Amino acid sequence: MTTTPEVHQGHTEKTTAELVRDLTEQVSHLARTEVTLALREVKGKAKHAGLGAAIAGAGGLFAFFGGAVLVARAQLKKSAPMPSPAVESAKEDIHAVKEARKR
């Protein structure tokens, strides 16, 4: 059994050329819309990636200076800031001044 398509009164069917033109316009519009959405998505991800990179860079800088402080502290512990003969001499001078004040 074959059926024939119903044609409504006042309704005209589009020609093949018109259908191709409509299809071309719609595909073009869809492509532009998809590109716009893709750009928005990439920009959003780039902002997040930039923020993450900045935080990682700040953390690296903080770690570098923290390591430098630890190295400096270790070096200061190794060397006495004042030689012991100078400390002994200063103690003797203080003792001499105290004795002189008592007289």
Foldseek 3Di string as FASTA:
>chain_A
DDDDDDDDPPDDDDDPVVVVVVVVVVVVVVVVVVVVVVVVVVVVVVVVVVVVVVVVVVVVVVVVVVVVVVVVVVVPVVDPPDDPVVVVVVVVVVVVVVVVVVD
